[in-house]
Amino acid sequence: MHMSKDKLEALSKNHQDVLDELMYLFKNNEQQVMIWLTSDKAPLCDVSPLSLLDSRAGKEKVLDMIYRIKTGDFS
């Protein structure tokens, strides 16, 4: 799944906190952020982080996964 610039802009309006964390994590590489957001992740029950952001619980799971990556917790 490819994420357009429009989708990235919409994300910045609705989930700036998630976008800020990812831009930091991927050193402001928008392409890598888009790939990460749209790729299915095993820790998220094989769904994309983007698909979870519209629910509070889903967003918390995504932020938790980002935190684990940042801290090196791959358990």
C-alpha atoms as a PDB file:
ATOM      1  CA  MET A   1       0.000   0.000   0.000  1.00  0.00           C
ATOM      2  CA  HIS A   2       1.387   3.369  -0.986  1.00  0.00           C
ATOM      3  CA  MET A   3       0.718   6.421   1.134  1.00  0.00           C
ATOM      4  CA  SER A   4       0.295   9.726  -0.657  1.00  0.00           C
ATOM      5  CA  LYS A   5       1.521  13.134   0.452  1.00  0.00           C
ATOM      6  CA  ASP A   6      -2.133  14.050   1.056  1.00  0.00           C
ATOM      7  CA  LYS A   7      -2.462  11.150   3.489  1.00  0.00           C
ATOM      8  CA  LEU A   8       0.700  12.272   5.261  1.00  0.00           C
ATOM      9  CA  GLU A   9      -0.708  15.798   5.563  1.00  0.00           C
ATOM     10  CA  ALA A  10      -3.986  14.430   6.945  1.00  0.00           C
ATOM     11  CA  LEU A  11      -1.992  12.381   9.424  1.00  0.00           C
ATOM     12  CA  SER A  12      -0.184  15.511  10.571  1.00  0.00           C
ATOM     13  CA  LYS A  13      -3.529  17.191  11.292  1.00  0.00           C
ATOM     14  CA  ASN A  14      -5.057  14.284  13.200  1.00  0.00           C
ATOM     15  CA  HIS A  15      -2.085  12.458  14.716  1.00  0.00           C
ATOM     16  CA  GLN A  16       0.787  14.929  14.895  1.00  0.00           C
ATOM     17  CA  ASP A  17       2.189  13.166  17.970  1.00  0.00           C
ATOM     18  CA  VAL A  18       2.575   9.898  16.062  1.00  0.00           C
ATOM     19  CA  LEU A  19       4.047  11.661  13.051  1.00  0.00           C
ATOM     20  CA  ASP A  20       6.540  13.565  15.223  1.00  0.00           C
ATOM     21  CA  GLU A  21       7.723  10.336  16.851  1.00  0.00           C
ATOM     22  CA  LEU A  22       8.142   8.611  13.497  1.00  0.00           C
ATOM     23  CA  MET A  23       9.924  11.554  11.885  1.00  0.00           C
ATOM     24  CA  TYR A  24      12.367  11.528  14.797  1.00  0.00           C
ATOM     25  CA  LEU A  25      12.791   7.762  14.613  1.00  0.00           C
ATOM     26  CA  PHE A  26      13.364   7.766  10.849  1.00  0.00           C
ATOM     27  CA  LYS A  27      15.451  10.962  10.811  1.00  0.00           C
ATOM     28  CA  ASN A  28      12.839  12.996   8.875  1.00  0.00           C
ATOM     29  CA  ASN A  29      12.689  10.484   6.013  1.00  0.00           C
ATOM     30  CA  GLU A  30       9.066  10.814   4.885  1.00  0.00           C
ATOM     31  CA  GLN A  31       9.306   7.825   2.560  1.00  0.00           C
ATOM     32  CA  GLN A  32      10.431   5.537   5.383  1.00  0.00           C
ATOM     33  CA  VAL A  33       7.670   6.892   7.630  1.00  0.00           C
ATOM     34  CA  MET A  34       5.085   6.150   4.946  1.00  0.00           C
ATOM     35  CA  ILE A  35       6.426   2.625   4.417  1.00  0.00           C
ATOM     36  CA  TRP A  36       6.418   1.915   8.150  1.00  0.00           C
ATOM     37  CA  LEU A  37       2.883   3.220   8.599  1.00  0.00           C
ATOM     38  CA  THR A  38       1.410   1.207   5.759  1.00  0.00           C
ATOM     39  CA  SER A  39       3.217  -2.108   6.302  1.00  0.00           C
ATOM     40  CA  ASP A  40       1.592  -4.845   8.355  1.00  0.00           C
ATOM     41  CA  LYS A  41       3.303  -5.447  11.692  1.00  0.00           C
ATOM     42  CA  ALA A  42       3.310  -8.746  13.590  1.00  0.00           C
ATOM     43  CA  PRO A  43       3.156  -7.004  17.026  1.00  0.00           C
ATOM     44  CA  LEU A  44      -0.018  -5.271  15.821  1.00  0.00           C
ATOM     45  CA  CYS A  45      -1.712  -8.556  14.853  1.00  0.00           C
ATOM     46  CA  ASP A  46      -0.523  -8.266  11.257  1.00  0.00           C
ATOM     47  CA  VAL A  47      -2.252  -4.984  10.448  1.00  0.00           C
ATOM     48  CA  SER A  48      -0.702  -1.663   9.484  1.00  0.00           C
ATOM     49  CA  PRO A  49      -0.173   1.030  12.099  1.00  0.00           C
ATOM     50  CA  LEU A  50      -2.105   3.444   9.888  1.00  0.00           C
ATOM     51  CA  SER A  51      -5.210   1.262  10.058  1.00  0.00           C
ATOM     52  CA  LEU A  52      -5.219   1.487  13.863  1.00  0.00           C
ATOM     53  CA  LEU A  53      -4.823   5.220  14.343  1.00  0.00           C
ATOM     54  CA  ASP A  54      -8.501   6.119  14.218  1.00  0.00           C
ATOM     55  CA  SER A  55      -9.271   4.385  17.510  1.00  0.00           C
ATOM     56  CA  ARG A  56      -7.833   5.444  20.842  1.00  0.00           C
ATOM     57  CA  ALA A  57      -6.774   1.914  21.780  1.00  0.00           C
ATOM     58  CA  GLY A  58      -5.209   1.390  18.362  1.00  0.00           C
ATOM     59  CA  LYS A  59      -3.294   4.640  18.553  1.00  0.00           C
ATOM     60  CA  GLU A  60      -1.970   3.638  21.979  1.00  0.00           C
ATOM     61  CA  LYS A  61      -0.756   0.328  20.520  1.00  0.00           C
ATOM     62  CA  VAL A  62       1.061   2.169  17.723  1.00  0.00           C
ATOM     63  CA  LEU A  63       2.669   4.631  20.133  1.00  0.00           C
ATOM     64  CA  ASP A  64       3.684   1.736  22.382  1.00  0.00           C
ATOM     65  CA  MET A  65       5.325  -0.018  19.439  1.00  0.00           C
ATOM     66  CA  ILE A  66       7.208   3.173  18.516  1.00  0.00           C
ATOM     67  CA  TYR A  67       8.363   3.524  22.134  1.00  0.00           C
ATOM     68  CA  ARG A  68       9.592  -0.081  22.158  1.00  0.00           C
ATOM     69  CA  ILE A  69      11.565   0.519  18.962  1.00  0.00           C
ATOM     70  CA  LYS A  70      13.107   3.699  20.380  1.00  0.00           C
ATOM     71  CA  THR A  71      14.142   1.962  23.599  1.00  0.00           C
ATOM     72  CA  GLY A  72      15.319  -1.255  21.953  1.00  0.00           C
ATOM     73  CA  ASP A  73      12.646  -3.406  23.614  1.00  0.00           C
ATOM     74  CA  PHE A  74      11.920  -6.085  21.025  1.00  0.00           C
ATOM     75  CA  SER A  75      10.334  -8.566  23.434  1.00  0.00           C
END
